[in-house]
Amino acid sequence: VSASRGSAQISSFNNYLVEDVIERLEGAKQTMMAQQVNIRHIYMVWFQGETDAYVETPEEKYIGEMQKLLNTLQPYGVEKCFVIQIGNVVMGDEVIDVEAMHKTQEKLCEIDENFVLVSTLPKEISESPYMEDGIHFTQAGLNLLGDEAGTNAGIYVNIIEEGRD
């Protein structure tokens, strides 16, 4: 269920976008139940932070806002958040320092077991042919990211969560 917003800081999700996320999630769950789809798990995949890197959102605030968002979604069934680390960011001629955000996202996943880092690939493929511009990935780039993040999330769920090989 997509709930993406361009140029949104993490605080925007908690302040006014979370209701839309909940509405979409509940609608998806109702549709799946009506189609008799067995829902085993509900996870959130998070690929956001470029704007927070640009405005230099402090580490404590970003981590707190992420935890608040997940806490708000957990009563609706969201178990954990799979984090895809942001890529490098170029806005016009300005290269944005994203290292602090990379470290913040890594720390979040280290200190809170509800957040699992599933891909660091964006910072490695932040160039043509994988980038549309200095911020957005092409479909080819998104496919690579999705393959890696999906594989790692699947490994996590099957081995760590469910104890399967």
N, C-alpha and C. Protein backbone atom coordinates (compact mmCIF):
# COMPACT_ATOMS: atom_id res chain seq x y z
N VAL A 1 0.86 -1.17 0.00
CA VAL A 1 0.00 0.00 0.00
C VAL A 1 0.90 1.23 0.00
N SER A 2 0.88 1.97 -1.05
CA SER A 2 1.74 3.14 -1.16
C SER A 2 1.15 4.32 -0.40
N ALA A 3 2.01 5.02 0.30
CA ALA A 3 1.59 6.24 1.00
C ALA A 3 2.70 7.27 0.91
N SER A 4 3.32 7.35 -0.24
CA SER A 4 4.48 8.23 -0.40
C SER A 4 4.07 9.68 -0.61
N ARG A 5 4.96 10.57 -0.21
CA ARG A 5 4.78 12.00 -0.39
C ARG A 5 6.12 12.62 -0.71
N GLY A 6 6.21 13.33 -1.80
CA GLY A 6 7.45 13.99 -2.16
C GLY A 6 7.74 15.15 -1.25
N SER A 7 9.01 15.37 -0.99
CA SER A 7 9.50 16.51 -0.20
C SER A 7 8.92 16.57 1.21
N ALA A 8 8.58 15.43 1.77
CA ALA A 8 7.98 15.41 3.11
C ALA A 8 9.01 15.06 4.17
N GLN A 9 9.02 15.84 5.23
CA GLN A 9 9.84 15.51 6.39
C GLN A 9 9.10 14.46 7.21
N ILE A 10 9.83 13.74 8.04
CA ILE A 10 9.20 12.72 8.88
C ILE A 10 8.11 13.33 9.75
N SER A 11 8.29 14.54 10.24
CA SER A 11 7.27 15.16 11.09
C SER A 11 5.95 15.35 10.35
N SER A 12 6.00 15.51 9.02
CA SER A 12 4.78 15.65 8.23
C SER A 12 3.91 14.41 8.32
N PHE A 13 4.55 13.24 8.35
CA PHE A 13 3.78 12.01 8.45
C PHE A 13 3.03 11.95 9.77
N ASN A 14 3.68 12.31 10.85
CA ASN A 14 3.02 12.28 12.15
C ASN A 14 1.99 13.40 12.31
N ASN A 15 2.25 14.55 11.72
CA ASN A 15 1.37 15.70 11.93
C ASN A 15 0.09 15.65 11.10
N TYR A 16 0.17 15.15 9.86
CA TYR A 16 -1.05 15.18 9.06
C TYR A 16 -1.17 14.08 8.01
N LEU A 17 -0.16 13.28 7.79
CA LEU A 17 -0.26 12.24 6.76
C LEU A 17 -0.61 10.87 7.31
N VAL A 18 -0.45 10.67 8.61
CA VAL A 18 -0.67 9.34 9.18
C VAL A 18 -2.12 8.88 9.01
N GLU A 19 -3.06 9.79 9.02
CA GLU A 19 -4.47 9.40 8.84
C GLU A 19 -4.68 8.78 7.45
N ASP A 20 -4.02 9.33 6.45
CA ASP A 20 -4.11 8.78 5.10
C ASP A 20 -3.47 7.39 5.05
N VAL A 21 -2.36 7.22 5.72
CA VAL A 21 -1.69 5.93 5.77
C VAL A 21 -2.61 4.89 6.41
N ILE A 22 -3.24 5.24 7.52
CA ILE A 22 -4.15 4.32 8.21
C ILE A 22 -5.34 3.98 7.32
N GLU A 23 -5.90 4.98 6.66
CA GLU A 23 -7.05 4.75 5.77
C GLU A 23 -6.68 3.79 4.64
N ARG A 24 -5.52 3.98 4.05
CA ARG A 24 -5.07 3.09 2.97
C ARG A 24 -4.82 1.67 3.49
N LEU A 25 -4.18 1.58 4.64
CA LEU A 25 -3.90 0.27 5.24
C LEU A 25 -5.20 -0.47 5.56
N GLU A 26 -6.13 0.20 6.19
CA GLU A 26 -7.40 -0.44 6.54
C GLU A 26 -8.18 -0.85 5.29
N GLY A 27 -8.15 -0.02 4.26
CA GLY A 27 -8.81 -0.37 3.00
C GLY A 27 -8.19 -1.60 2.36
N ALA A 28 -6.86 -1.68 2.39
CA ALA A 28 -6.17 -2.84 1.83
C ALA A 28 -6.51 -4.10 2.61
N LYS A 29 -6.55 -3.99 3.94
CA LYS A 29 -6.89 -5.15 4.77
C LYS A 29 -8.32 -5.62 4.48
N GLN A 30 -9.25 -4.70 4.35
CA GLN A 30 -10.64 -5.06 4.05
C GLN A 30 -10.74 -5.75 2.69
N THR A 31 -10.03 -5.23 1.70
CA THR A 31 -10.04 -5.83 0.37
C THR A 31 -9.49 -7.25 0.41
N MET A 32 -8.39 -7.43 1.10
CA MET A 32 -7.79 -8.77 1.19
C MET A 32 -8.69 -9.75 1.93
N MET A 33 -9.31 -9.29 3.00
CA MET A 33 -10.23 -10.17 3.74
C MET A 33 -11.42 -10.54 2.87
N ALA A 34 -11.94 -9.58 2.10
CA ALA A 34 -13.07 -9.87 1.21
C ALA A 34 -12.68 -10.88 0.14
N GLN A 35 -11.43 -10.89 -0.25
CA GLN A 35 -10.92 -11.84 -1.24
C GLN A 35 -10.38 -13.12 -0.58
N GLN A 36 -10.58 -13.23 0.73
CA GLN A 36 -10.15 -14.39 1.52
C GLN A 36 -8.63 -14.61 1.46
N VAL A 37 -7.89 -13.52 1.47
CA VAL A 37 -6.44 -13.59 1.51
C VAL A 37 -6.03 -13.65 2.98
N ASN A 38 -5.23 -14.65 3.32
CA ASN A 38 -4.74 -14.79 4.69
C ASN A 38 -3.58 -13.82 4.90
N ILE A 39 -3.76 -12.89 5.81
CA ILE A 39 -2.72 -11.90 6.12
C ILE A 39 -1.89 -12.44 7.28
N ARG A 40 -0.66 -12.84 6.98
CA ARG A 40 0.22 -13.39 8.03
C ARG A 40 0.95 -12.29 8.77
N HIS A 41 1.40 -11.29 8.06
CA HIS A 41 2.19 -10.21 8.65
C HIS A 41 1.85 -8.90 7.95
N ILE A 42 2.05 -7.81 8.67
CA ILE A 42 1.94 -6.48 8.08
C ILE A 42 3.21 -5.72 8.48
N TYR A 43 3.96 -5.31 7.48
CA TYR A 43 5.19 -4.56 7.71
C TYR A 43 5.12 -3.24 6.95
N MET A 44 5.85 -2.28 7.45
CA MET A 44 5.98 -1.01 6.77
C MET A 44 7.37 -0.97 6.14
N VAL A 45 7.46 -0.51 4.91
CA VAL A 45 8.74 -0.30 4.24
C VAL A 45 8.95 1.22 4.17
N TRP A 46 10.10 1.67 4.62
CA TRP A 46 10.36 3.10 4.72
C TRP A 46 11.56 3.50 3.89
N PHE A 47 11.32 4.40 2.93
CA PHE A 47 12.39 4.91 2.07
C PHE A 47 12.19 6.42 2.01
N GLN A 48 12.68 7.12 3.01
CA GLN A 48 12.43 8.55 3.19
C GLN A 48 13.57 9.14 3.98
N GLY A 49 13.79 10.43 3.83
CA GLY A 49 14.77 11.12 4.65
C GLY A 49 15.58 12.16 3.93
N GLU A 50 15.40 12.27 2.61
CA GLU A 50 16.17 13.26 1.85
C GLU A 50 15.88 14.68 2.32
N THR A 51 14.62 15.00 2.51
CA THR A 51 14.27 16.34 2.97
C THR A 51 14.77 16.58 4.38
N ASP A 52 14.69 15.56 5.22
CA ASP A 52 15.22 15.69 6.58
C ASP A 52 16.74 15.89 6.56
N ALA A 53 17.43 15.24 5.63
CA ALA A 53 18.87 15.47 5.49
C ALA A 53 19.12 16.92 5.06
N TYR A 54 18.32 17.40 4.12
CA TYR A 54 18.47 18.76 3.60
C TYR A 54 18.28 19.82 4.69
N VAL A 55 17.26 19.63 5.52
CA VAL A 55 16.98 20.62 6.58
C VAL A 55 17.73 20.30 7.87
N GLU A 56 18.53 19.25 7.83
CA GLU A 56 19.35 18.83 8.97
C GLU A 56 18.53 18.54 10.22
N THR A 57 17.50 17.71 10.05
CA THR A 57 16.70 17.27 11.19
C THR A 57 17.63 16.56 12.18
N PRO A 58 17.62 16.97 13.44
CA PRO A 58 18.50 16.33 14.42
C PRO A 58 18.19 14.84 14.59
N GLU A 59 19.23 14.08 14.85
CA GLU A 59 19.11 12.63 15.01
C GLU A 59 18.00 12.24 16.00
N GLU A 60 17.99 12.86 17.17
CA GLU A 60 17.02 12.51 18.20
C GLU A 60 15.60 12.75 17.71
N LYS A 61 15.40 13.85 16.99
CA LYS A 61 14.06 14.17 16.50
C LYS A 61 13.64 13.16 15.44
N TYR A 62 14.51 12.84 14.49
CA TYR A 62 14.16 11.89 13.43
C TYR A 62 13.82 10.52 14.03
N ILE A 63 14.67 10.05 14.93
CA ILE A 63 14.42 8.75 15.56
C ILE A 63 13.12 8.78 16.35
N GLY A 64 12.89 9.82 17.11
CA GLY A 64 11.66 9.94 17.89
C GLY A 64 10.42 9.97 17.01
N GLU A 65 10.49 10.70 15.90
CA GLU A 65 9.35 10.78 14.98
C GLU A 65 9.09 9.43 14.31
N MET A 66 10.16 8.71 13.96
CA MET A 66 9.98 7.37 13.36
C MET A 66 9.33 6.43 14.36
N GLN A 67 9.78 6.46 15.59
CA GLN A 67 9.20 5.60 16.62
C GLN A 67 7.74 5.97 16.88
N LYS A 68 7.45 7.25 16.89
CA LYS A 68 6.07 7.71 17.08
C LYS A 68 5.17 7.22 15.95
N LEU A 69 5.65 7.32 14.71
CA LEU A 69 4.87 6.86 13.57
C LEU A 69 4.57 5.38 13.66
N LEU A 70 5.58 4.57 13.94
CA LEU A 70 5.36 3.13 14.05
C LEU A 70 4.43 2.81 15.22
N ASN A 71 4.60 3.49 16.34
CA ASN A 71 3.71 3.28 17.48
C ASN A 71 2.26 3.59 17.14
N THR A 72 2.05 4.60 16.30
CA THR A 72 0.70 4.95 15.87
C THR A 72 0.12 3.87 14.96
N LEU A 73 0.96 3.23 14.15
CA LEU A 73 0.49 2.23 13.19
C LEU A 73 0.39 0.82 13.77
N GLN A 74 1.07 0.55 14.86
CA GLN A 74 1.05 -0.80 15.43
C GLN A 74 -0.35 -1.27 15.83
N PRO A 75 -1.22 -0.45 16.38
CA PRO A 75 -2.57 -0.92 16.69
C PRO A 75 -3.37 -1.36 15.44
N TYR A 76 -2.90 -0.95 14.27
CA TYR A 76 -3.56 -1.33 13.01
C TYR A 76 -2.89 -2.57 12.39
N GLY A 77 -1.96 -3.16 13.11
CA GLY A 77 -1.36 -4.41 12.69
C GLY A 77 0.07 -4.34 12.18
N VAL A 78 0.62 -3.14 12.03
CA VAL A 78 1.99 -3.02 11.52
C VAL A 78 2.94 -3.53 12.60
N GLU A 79 3.74 -4.54 12.24
CA GLU A 79 4.60 -5.19 13.21
C GLU A 79 5.97 -4.53 13.32
N LYS A 80 6.58 -4.26 12.20
CA LYS A 80 7.93 -3.69 12.16
C LYS A 80 8.04 -2.79 10.95
N CYS A 81 9.15 -2.06 10.91
CA CYS A 81 9.43 -1.18 9.78
C CYS A 81 10.74 -1.61 9.13
N PHE A 82 10.69 -1.92 7.84
CA PHE A 82 11.88 -2.24 7.07
C PHE A 82 12.39 -0.94 6.45
N VAL A 83 13.61 -0.57 6.78
CA VAL A 83 14.18 0.71 6.36
C VAL A 83 15.12 0.52 5.17
N ILE A 84 14.88 1.31 4.13
CA ILE A 84 15.78 1.41 3.00
C ILE A 84 16.49 2.75 3.16
N GLN A 85 17.80 2.69 3.30
CA GLN A 85 18.57 3.91 3.53
C GLN A 85 18.50 4.83 2.31
N ILE A 86 18.47 6.13 2.55
CA ILE A 86 18.40 7.07 1.44
C ILE A 86 19.70 7.07 0.64
N GLY A 87 19.60 7.57 -0.59
CA GLY A 87 20.76 7.68 -1.45
C GLY A 87 21.45 9.02 -1.27
N ASN A 88 22.38 9.29 -2.15
CA ASN A 88 23.04 10.59 -2.17
C ASN A 88 22.10 11.58 -2.83
N VAL A 89 22.18 12.83 -2.44
CA VAL A 89 21.22 13.83 -2.91
C VAL A 89 21.95 15.01 -3.53
N VAL A 90 21.52 15.38 -4.74
CA VAL A 90 22.04 16.56 -5.41
C VAL A 90 20.83 17.42 -5.78
N MET A 91 20.82 18.65 -5.30
CA MET A 91 19.73 19.57 -5.61
C MET A 91 20.32 20.72 -6.42
N GLY A 92 20.14 20.64 -7.74
CA GLY A 92 20.76 21.63 -8.62
C GLY A 92 22.26 21.42 -8.60
N ASP A 93 22.99 22.43 -8.22
CA ASP A 93 24.45 22.32 -8.10
C ASP A 93 24.88 21.96 -6.68
N GLU A 94 23.92 21.88 -5.78
CA GLU A 94 24.22 21.65 -4.37
C GLU A 94 24.17 20.16 -4.02
N VAL A 95 25.27 19.64 -3.52
CA VAL A 95 25.33 18.27 -3.03
C VAL A 95 25.00 18.31 -1.54
N ILE A 96 23.94 17.58 -1.16
CA ILE A 96 23.47 17.58 0.22
C ILE A 96 24.26 16.55 1.02
N ASP A 97 24.71 16.92 2.21
CA ASP A 97 25.42 15.99 3.07
C ASP A 97 24.40 15.04 3.71
N VAL A 98 24.42 13.80 3.27
CA VAL A 98 23.45 12.82 3.77
C VAL A 98 24.07 11.85 4.78
N GLU A 99 25.35 12.00 5.05
CA GLU A 99 26.03 11.07 5.96
C GLU A 99 25.37 11.05 7.34
N ALA A 100 24.97 12.20 7.85
CA ALA A 100 24.30 12.25 9.16
C ALA A 100 23.00 11.45 9.12
N MET A 101 22.25 11.56 8.02
CA MET A 101 21.00 10.81 7.91
C MET A 101 21.29 9.31 7.79
N HIS A 102 22.31 8.93 7.05
CA HIS A 102 22.69 7.52 6.97
C HIS A 102 22.97 6.98 8.37
N LYS A 103 23.74 7.73 9.15
CA LYS A 103 24.07 7.29 10.51
C LYS A 103 22.83 7.26 11.40
N THR A 104 21.94 8.21 11.22
CA THR A 104 20.70 8.24 12.00
C THR A 104 19.85 7.02 11.69
N GLN A 105 19.69 6.70 10.41
CA GLN A 105 18.89 5.53 10.04
C GLN A 105 19.53 4.24 10.55
N GLU A 106 20.85 4.16 10.50
CA GLU A 106 21.54 2.98 11.03
C GLU A 106 21.35 2.88 12.54
N LYS A 107 21.47 4.00 13.23
CA LYS A 107 21.30 4.00 14.69
C LYS A 107 19.88 3.58 15.07
N LEU A 108 18.89 4.11 14.37
CA LEU A 108 17.50 3.74 14.64
C LEU A 108 17.34 2.22 14.60
N CYS A 109 17.91 1.59 13.59
CA CYS A 109 17.79 0.14 13.44
C CYS A 109 18.63 -0.63 14.46
N GLU A 110 19.67 -0.01 14.97
CA GLU A 110 20.50 -0.65 15.99
C GLU A 110 19.84 -0.58 17.37
N ILE A 111 19.19 0.53 17.69
CA ILE A 111 18.67 0.72 19.05
C ILE A 111 17.23 0.26 19.22
N ASP A 112 16.50 0.07 18.13
CA ASP A 112 15.09 -0.30 18.23
C ASP A 112 14.82 -1.51 17.35
N GLU A 113 14.51 -2.63 17.97
CA GLU A 113 14.29 -3.88 17.23
C GLU A 113 13.08 -3.84 16.31
N ASN A 114 12.27 -2.82 16.42
CA ASN A 114 11.11 -2.68 15.54
C ASN A 114 11.47 -2.10 14.17
N PHE A 115 12.74 -1.71 14.00
CA PHE A 115 13.23 -1.15 12.75
C PHE A 115 14.37 -2.03 12.24
N VAL A 116 14.27 -2.45 10.99
CA VAL A 116 15.24 -3.37 10.40
C VAL A 116 15.78 -2.76 9.12
N LEU A 117 17.08 -2.56 9.05
CA LEU A 117 17.71 -2.02 7.85
C LEU A 117 17.80 -3.12 6.80
N VAL A 118 17.09 -2.94 5.67
CA VAL A 118 17.05 -3.97 4.64
C VAL A 118 17.80 -3.59 3.37
N SER A 119 18.23 -2.33 3.25
CA SER A 119 19.02 -1.96 2.08
C SER A 119 19.80 -0.67 2.33
N THR A 120 21.07 -0.74 1.93
CA THR A 120 21.92 0.44 1.90
C THR A 120 22.30 0.75 0.45
N LEU A 121 21.71 0.03 -0.48
CA LEU A 121 22.04 0.15 -1.89
C LEU A 121 21.85 1.56 -2.48
N PRO A 122 20.85 2.34 -2.04
CA PRO A 122 20.67 3.66 -2.67
C PRO A 122 21.91 4.53 -2.69
N LYS A 123 22.72 4.48 -1.66
CA LYS A 123 23.92 5.33 -1.64
C LYS A 123 24.99 4.81 -2.59
N GLU A 124 24.86 3.57 -3.04
CA GLU A 124 25.83 2.99 -3.96
C GLU A 124 25.44 3.17 -5.43
N ILE A 125 24.15 3.38 -5.71
CA ILE A 125 23.70 3.49 -7.11
C ILE A 125 23.13 4.87 -7.43
N SER A 126 23.58 5.87 -6.73
CA SER A 126 23.06 7.23 -6.91
C SER A 126 23.67 7.94 -8.11
N GLU A 127 23.56 7.29 -9.27
CA GLU A 127 24.08 7.89 -10.51
C GLU A 127 23.31 7.28 -11.69
N SER A 128 23.53 7.84 -12.86
CA SER A 128 22.89 7.34 -14.07
C SER A 128 23.38 5.91 -14.31
N PRO A 129 22.57 5.01 -14.77
CA PRO A 129 21.20 5.13 -15.27
C PRO A 129 20.13 4.92 -14.20
N TYR A 130 20.52 4.99 -12.93
CA TYR A 130 19.58 4.68 -11.86
C TYR A 130 18.90 5.91 -11.26
N MET A 131 19.34 7.09 -11.65
CA MET A 131 18.76 8.32 -11.12
C MET A 131 18.09 9.13 -12.23
N GLU A 132 16.89 9.64 -11.92
CA GLU A 132 16.20 10.55 -12.85
C GLU A 132 16.81 11.94 -12.74
N ASP A 133 17.07 12.32 -11.52
CA ASP A 133 17.63 13.63 -11.20
C ASP A 133 18.51 13.42 -9.98
N GLY A 134 18.76 14.41 -9.22
CA GLY A 134 19.63 14.26 -8.06
C GLY A 134 18.97 13.68 -6.83
N ILE A 135 17.67 13.38 -6.93
CA ILE A 135 16.93 12.88 -5.77
C ILE A 135 16.18 11.58 -6.08
N HIS A 136 15.52 11.54 -7.24
CA HIS A 136 14.60 10.44 -7.56
C HIS A 136 15.25 9.35 -8.41
N PHE A 137 14.93 8.12 -8.06
CA PHE A 137 15.46 6.97 -8.79
C PHE A 137 14.60 6.67 -10.01
N THR A 138 15.23 6.14 -11.06
CA THR A 138 14.49 5.67 -12.23
C THR A 138 13.82 4.35 -11.88
N GLN A 139 12.98 3.86 -12.76
CA GLN A 139 12.34 2.57 -12.52
C GLN A 139 13.39 1.47 -12.41
N ALA A 140 14.44 1.54 -13.21
CA ALA A 140 15.52 0.55 -13.12
C ALA A 140 16.17 0.59 -11.74
N GLY A 141 16.39 1.77 -11.22
CA GLY A 141 16.96 1.91 -9.88
C GLY A 141 16.03 1.38 -8.81
N LEU A 142 14.75 1.73 -8.92
CA LEU A 142 13.77 1.24 -7.95
C LEU A 142 13.65 -0.28 -7.99
N ASN A 143 13.76 -0.85 -9.19
CA ASN A 143 13.71 -2.31 -9.31
C ASN A 143 14.88 -2.95 -8.56
N LEU A 144 16.08 -2.40 -8.72
CA LEU A 144 17.24 -2.92 -7.99
C LEU A 144 17.05 -2.80 -6.48
N LEU A 145 16.59 -1.64 -6.05
CA LEU A 145 16.35 -1.43 -4.62
C LEU A 145 15.30 -2.39 -4.09
N GLY A 146 14.22 -2.54 -4.84
CA GLY A 146 13.15 -3.44 -4.43
C GLY A 146 13.59 -4.88 -4.34
N ASP A 147 14.41 -5.30 -5.30
CA ASP A 147 14.94 -6.67 -5.26
C ASP A 147 15.76 -6.90 -4.00
N GLU A 148 16.69 -5.98 -3.72
CA GLU A 148 17.53 -6.17 -2.54
C GLU A 148 16.73 -6.08 -1.25
N ALA A 149 15.91 -5.04 -1.12
CA ALA A 149 15.14 -4.85 0.11
C ALA A 149 14.16 -6.00 0.31
N GLY A 150 13.50 -6.43 -0.77
CA GLY A 150 12.55 -7.54 -0.66
C GLY A 150 13.22 -8.84 -0.27
N THR A 151 14.37 -9.11 -0.87
CA THR A 151 15.12 -10.32 -0.52
C THR A 151 15.53 -10.29 0.95
N ASN A 152 16.09 -9.17 1.39
CA ASN A 152 16.54 -9.07 2.78
C ASN A 152 15.38 -9.09 3.77
N ALA A 153 14.28 -8.45 3.42
CA ALA A 153 13.09 -8.50 4.30
C ALA A 153 12.56 -9.93 4.37
N GLY A 154 12.54 -10.64 3.24
CA GLY A 154 12.08 -12.02 3.22
C GLY A 154 12.97 -12.92 4.07
N ILE A 155 14.27 -12.72 3.97
CA ILE A 155 15.20 -13.49 4.80
C ILE A 155 14.93 -13.21 6.28
N TYR A 156 14.76 -11.94 6.60
CA TYR A 156 14.48 -11.56 7.99
C TYR A 156 13.21 -12.24 8.50
N VAL A 157 12.14 -12.15 7.75
CA VAL A 157 10.86 -12.72 8.18
C VAL A 157 10.96 -14.24 8.31
N ASN A 158 11.49 -14.88 7.30
CA ASN A 158 11.53 -16.35 7.30
C ASN A 158 12.51 -16.93 8.32
N ILE A 159 13.66 -16.31 8.48
CA ILE A 159 14.68 -16.87 9.38
C ILE A 159 14.58 -16.29 10.78
N ILE A 160 14.56 -14.98 10.90
CA ILE A 160 14.56 -14.36 12.22
C ILE A 160 13.19 -14.45 12.89
N GLU A 161 12.14 -14.05 12.20
CA GLU A 161 10.81 -14.01 12.79
C GLU A 161 10.18 -15.39 12.95
N GLU A 162 10.31 -16.21 11.89
CA GLU A 162 9.58 -17.48 11.89
C GLU A 162 10.47 -18.70 12.07
N GLY A 163 11.79 -18.50 12.15
CA GLY A 163 12.71 -19.60 12.39
C GLY A 163 12.81 -20.63 11.27
N ARG A 164 12.52 -20.22 10.05
CA ARG A 164 12.62 -21.12 8.89
C ARG A 164 13.96 -20.95 8.23
N ASP A 165 14.36 -21.95 7.46
CA ASP A 165 15.59 -21.83 6.65
C ASP A 165 15.24 -21.60 5.22
